[in-house]
Amino acid sequence: MRAELKQKKSQSSRRANRVRARIRGTAERPRLSVYRSNRAYYAQVINDDLGTTLAAGNTTKSGSVEKLGTDIAKAANSAGVNKVVFDRGSLAYKGNLAKLAQAAREGGLEF
């Protein structure tokens, strides 16, 4: 069982590295990074040039991924960000991740 978990974690990190190799957040177009734990979804808008987080949120406060998407869009807009690069990490773009992205688009972010 231990070897299976180690392999799964290795595959996940390889997928995340493959996605992030092509993505870089700048001052004009920061990176919207999404992470999923066993309990919640976390989203951050990150300027990789300066290494700073411009906006952040999670579902433990709001309860749903749609609410997180609109909250992160409002926080990013108040920080002066309209366009972002979407960083899905090792997650597949379907289900709750797609709902979060759609809500962020409807909230005013442009991918």
C-alpha atoms as a PDB file:
ATOM      1  CA  MET A   1       0.000   0.000   0.000  1.00  0.00           C
ATOM      2  CA  ARG A   2       2.822   2.390   0.827  1.00  0.00           C
ATOM      3  CA  ALA A   3       4.384   2.062  -2.643  1.00  0.00           C
ATOM      4  CA  GLU A   4       1.035   2.881  -4.291  1.00  0.00           C
ATOM      5  CA  LEU A   5       0.685   6.110  -2.298  1.00  0.00           C
ATOM      6  CA  LYS A   6       4.261   7.100  -3.082  1.00  0.00           C
ATOM      7  CA  GLN A   7       3.650   6.517  -6.789  1.00  0.00           C
ATOM      8  CA  LYS A   8       0.382   8.480  -6.712  1.00  0.00           C
ATOM      9  CA  LYS A   9       2.083  11.434  -5.015  1.00  0.00           C
ATOM     10  CA  SER A  10       4.941  11.297  -7.516  1.00  0.00           C
ATOM     11  CA  GLN A  11       2.531  11.311 -10.467  1.00  0.00           C
ATOM     12  CA  SER A  12       0.615  14.237  -8.968  1.00  0.00           C
ATOM     13  CA  SER A  13       3.751  16.329  -8.502  1.00  0.00           C
ATOM     14  CA  ARG A  14       4.909  15.509 -12.052  1.00  0.00           C
ATOM     15  CA  ARG A  15       1.542  16.704 -13.437  1.00  0.00           C
ATOM     16  CA  ALA A  16       1.756  19.913 -11.394  1.00  0.00           C
ATOM     17  CA  ASN A  17       5.319  20.577 -12.559  1.00  0.00           C
ATOM     18  CA  ARG A  18       4.317  19.965 -16.184  1.00  0.00           C
ATOM     19  CA  VAL A  19       1.496  22.506 -15.913  1.00  0.00           C
ATOM     20  CA  ARG A  20       3.561  25.078 -14.020  1.00  0.00           C
ATOM     21  CA  ALA A  21       6.491  24.845 -16.441  1.00  0.00           C
ATOM     22  CA  ARG A  22       4.406  26.774 -18.980  1.00  0.00           C
ATOM     23  CA  ILE A  23       2.776  29.209 -16.545  1.00  0.00           C
ATOM     24  CA  ARG A  24       4.306  32.284 -14.954  1.00  0.00           C
ATOM     25  CA  GLY A  25       2.457  35.091 -13.221  1.00  0.00           C
ATOM     26  CA  THR A  26       3.582  38.630 -13.994  1.00  0.00           C
ATOM     27  CA  ALA A  27       2.545  42.027 -12.684  1.00  0.00           C
ATOM     28  CA  GLU A  28       0.233  42.557 -15.684  1.00  0.00           C
ATOM     29  CA  ARG A  29      -1.186  39.014 -15.599  1.00  0.00           C
ATOM     30  CA  PRO A  30      -0.744  37.245 -12.244  1.00  0.00           C
ATOM     31  CA  ARG A  31      -1.277  33.530 -11.682  1.00  0.00           C
ATOM     32  CA  LEU A  32      -4.527  32.206 -10.184  1.00  0.00           C
ATOM     33  CA  SER A  33      -3.340  29.078  -8.382  1.00  0.00           C
ATOM     34  CA  VAL A  34      -5.850  26.510  -7.097  1.00  0.00           C
ATOM     35  CA  TYR A  35      -5.106  23.804  -4.529  1.00  0.00           C
ATOM     36  CA  ARG A  36      -7.449  21.108  -3.243  1.00  0.00           C
ATOM     37  CA  SER A  37      -6.991  19.427   0.105  1.00  0.00           C
ATOM     38  CA  ASN A  38      -9.184  16.740   1.631  1.00  0.00           C
ATOM     39  CA  ARG A  39     -11.294  19.427   3.310  1.00  0.00           C
ATOM     40  CA  ALA A  40     -11.274  22.543   1.159  1.00  0.00           C
ATOM     41  CA  TYR A  41     -10.286  24.354  -2.023  1.00  0.00           C
ATOM     42  CA  TYR A  42      -7.762  27.185  -1.785  1.00  0.00           C
ATOM     43  CA  ALA A  43      -7.166  29.883  -4.399  1.00  0.00           C
ATOM     44  CA  GLN A  44      -4.466  32.558  -4.599  1.00  0.00           C
ATOM     45  CA  VAL A  45      -3.652  35.282  -7.081  1.00  0.00           C
ATOM     46  CA  ILE A  46       0.159  35.397  -7.186  1.00  0.00           C
ATOM     47  CA  ASN A  47       2.638  37.800  -8.783  1.00  0.00           C
ATOM     48  CA  ASP A  48       5.640  35.531  -9.456  1.00  0.00           C
ATOM     49  CA  ASP A  49       7.916  38.447 -10.409  1.00  0.00           C
ATOM     50  CA  LEU A  50       7.734  39.873  -6.890  1.00  0.00           C
ATOM     51  CA  GLY A  51       6.810  36.641  -5.123  1.00  0.00           C
ATOM     52  CA  THR A  52       3.733  38.195  -3.506  1.00  0.00           C
ATOM     53  CA  THR A  53       0.162  37.054  -3.029  1.00  0.00           C
ATOM     54  CA  LEU A  54      -2.327  39.678  -4.180  1.00  0.00           C
ATOM     55  CA  ALA A  55      -5.547  37.905  -3.130  1.00  0.00           C
ATOM     56  CA  ALA A  56      -6.435  34.640  -1.417  1.00  0.00           C
ATOM     57  CA  GLY A  57      -9.459  32.676  -0.269  1.00  0.00           C
ATOM     58  CA  ASN A  58     -10.731  29.216   0.597  1.00  0.00           C
ATOM     59  CA  THR A  59     -13.964  27.267   0.784  1.00  0.00           C
ATOM     60  CA  THR A  60     -13.809  26.744   4.542  1.00  0.00           C
ATOM     61  CA  LYS A  61     -15.032  30.311   4.992  1.00  0.00           C
ATOM     62  CA  SER A  62     -17.490  30.472   2.092  1.00  0.00           C
ATOM     63  CA  GLY A  63     -18.697  26.885   1.824  1.00  0.00           C
ATOM     64  CA  SER A  64     -18.877  26.418  -1.951  1.00  0.00           C
ATOM     65  CA  VAL A  65     -16.468  26.645  -4.857  1.00  0.00           C
ATOM     66  CA  GLU A  66     -18.762  29.041  -6.727  1.00  0.00           C
ATOM     67  CA  LYS A  67     -18.636  31.448  -3.792  1.00  0.00           C
ATOM     68  CA  LEU A  68     -14.842  31.062  -3.660  1.00  0.00           C
ATOM     69  CA  GLY A  69     -14.634  31.929  -7.372  1.00  0.00           C
ATOM     70  CA  THR A  70     -16.648  35.110  -6.965  1.00  0.00           C
ATOM     71  CA  ASP A  71     -14.798  36.047  -3.763  1.00  0.00           C
ATOM     72  CA  ILE A  72     -11.372  35.625  -5.356  1.00  0.00           C
ATOM     73  CA  ALA A  73     -12.525  37.645  -8.388  1.00  0.00           C
ATOM     74  CA  LYS A  74     -13.703  40.494  -6.130  1.00  0.00           C
ATOM     75  CA  ALA A  75     -10.471  40.431  -4.134  1.00  0.00           C
ATOM     76  CA  ALA A  76      -8.386  40.426  -7.322  1.00  0.00           C
ATOM     77  CA  ASN A  77     -10.408  43.278  -8.815  1.00  0.00           C
ATOM     78  CA  SER A  78      -9.932  45.332  -5.658  1.00  0.00           C
ATOM     79  CA  ALA A  79      -6.183  44.674  -5.972  1.00  0.00           C
ATOM     80  CA  GLY A  80      -6.329  46.042  -9.528  1.00  0.00           C
ATOM     81  CA  VAL A  81      -6.161  42.707 -11.366  1.00  0.00           C
ATOM     82  CA  ASN A  82      -8.500  41.944 -14.277  1.00  0.00           C
ATOM     83  CA  LYS A  83      -6.538  39.312 -16.218  1.00  0.00           C
ATOM     84  CA  VAL A  84      -4.974  36.194 -14.745  1.00  0.00           C
ATOM     85  CA  VAL A  85      -3.266  32.995 -15.863  1.00  0.00           C
ATOM     86  CA  PHE A  86      -5.120  29.937 -14.537  1.00  0.00           C
ATOM     87  CA  ASP A  87      -2.895  27.425 -12.710  1.00  0.00           C
ATOM     88  CA  ARG A  88      -4.807  24.209 -12.047  1.00  0.00           C
ATOM     89  CA  GLY A  89      -1.776  22.416 -10.615  1.00  0.00           C
ATOM     90  CA  SER A  90      -2.224  18.656 -10.760  1.00  0.00           C
ATOM     91  CA  LEU A  91      -6.030  18.846 -10.831  1.00  0.00           C
ATOM     92  CA  ALA A  92      -8.118  17.891 -13.851  1.00  0.00           C
ATOM     93  CA  TYR A  93     -10.199  20.742 -15.283  1.00  0.00           C
ATOM     94  CA  LYS A  94     -13.623  19.305 -14.491  1.00  0.00           C
ATOM     95  CA  GLY A  95     -16.175  19.249 -11.702  1.00  0.00           C
ATOM     96  CA  ASN A  96     -15.603  21.695  -8.874  1.00  0.00           C
ATOM     97  CA  LEU A  97     -12.465  23.156 -10.456  1.00  0.00           C
ATOM     98  CA  ALA A  98     -14.409  24.060 -13.605  1.00  0.00           C
ATOM     99  CA  LYS A  99     -17.183  25.560 -11.447  1.00  0.00           C
ATOM    100  CA  LEU A 100     -14.626  27.679  -9.575  1.00  0.00           C
ATOM    101  CA  ALA A 101     -13.104  28.934 -12.829  1.00  0.00           C
ATOM    102  CA  GLN A 102     -16.511  29.752 -14.301  1.00  0.00           C
ATOM    103  CA  ALA A 103     -17.529  31.671 -11.183  1.00  0.00           C
ATOM    104  CA  ALA A 104     -14.259  33.617 -11.297  1.00  0.00           C
ATOM    105  CA  ARG A 105     -14.934  34.515 -14.942  1.00  0.00           C
ATOM    106  CA  GLU A 106     -18.441  35.662 -14.097  1.00  0.00           C
ATOM    107  CA  GLY A 107     -16.977  37.668 -11.209  1.00  0.00           C
ATOM    108  CA  GLY A 108     -14.877  39.710 -13.627  1.00  0.00           C
ATOM    109  CA  LEU A 109     -11.594  37.845 -14.112  1.00  0.00           C
ATOM    110  CA  GLU A 110     -10.372  37.172 -17.619  1.00  0.00           C
ATOM    111  CA  PHE A 111      -8.301  34.038 -18.285  1.00  0.00           C
END
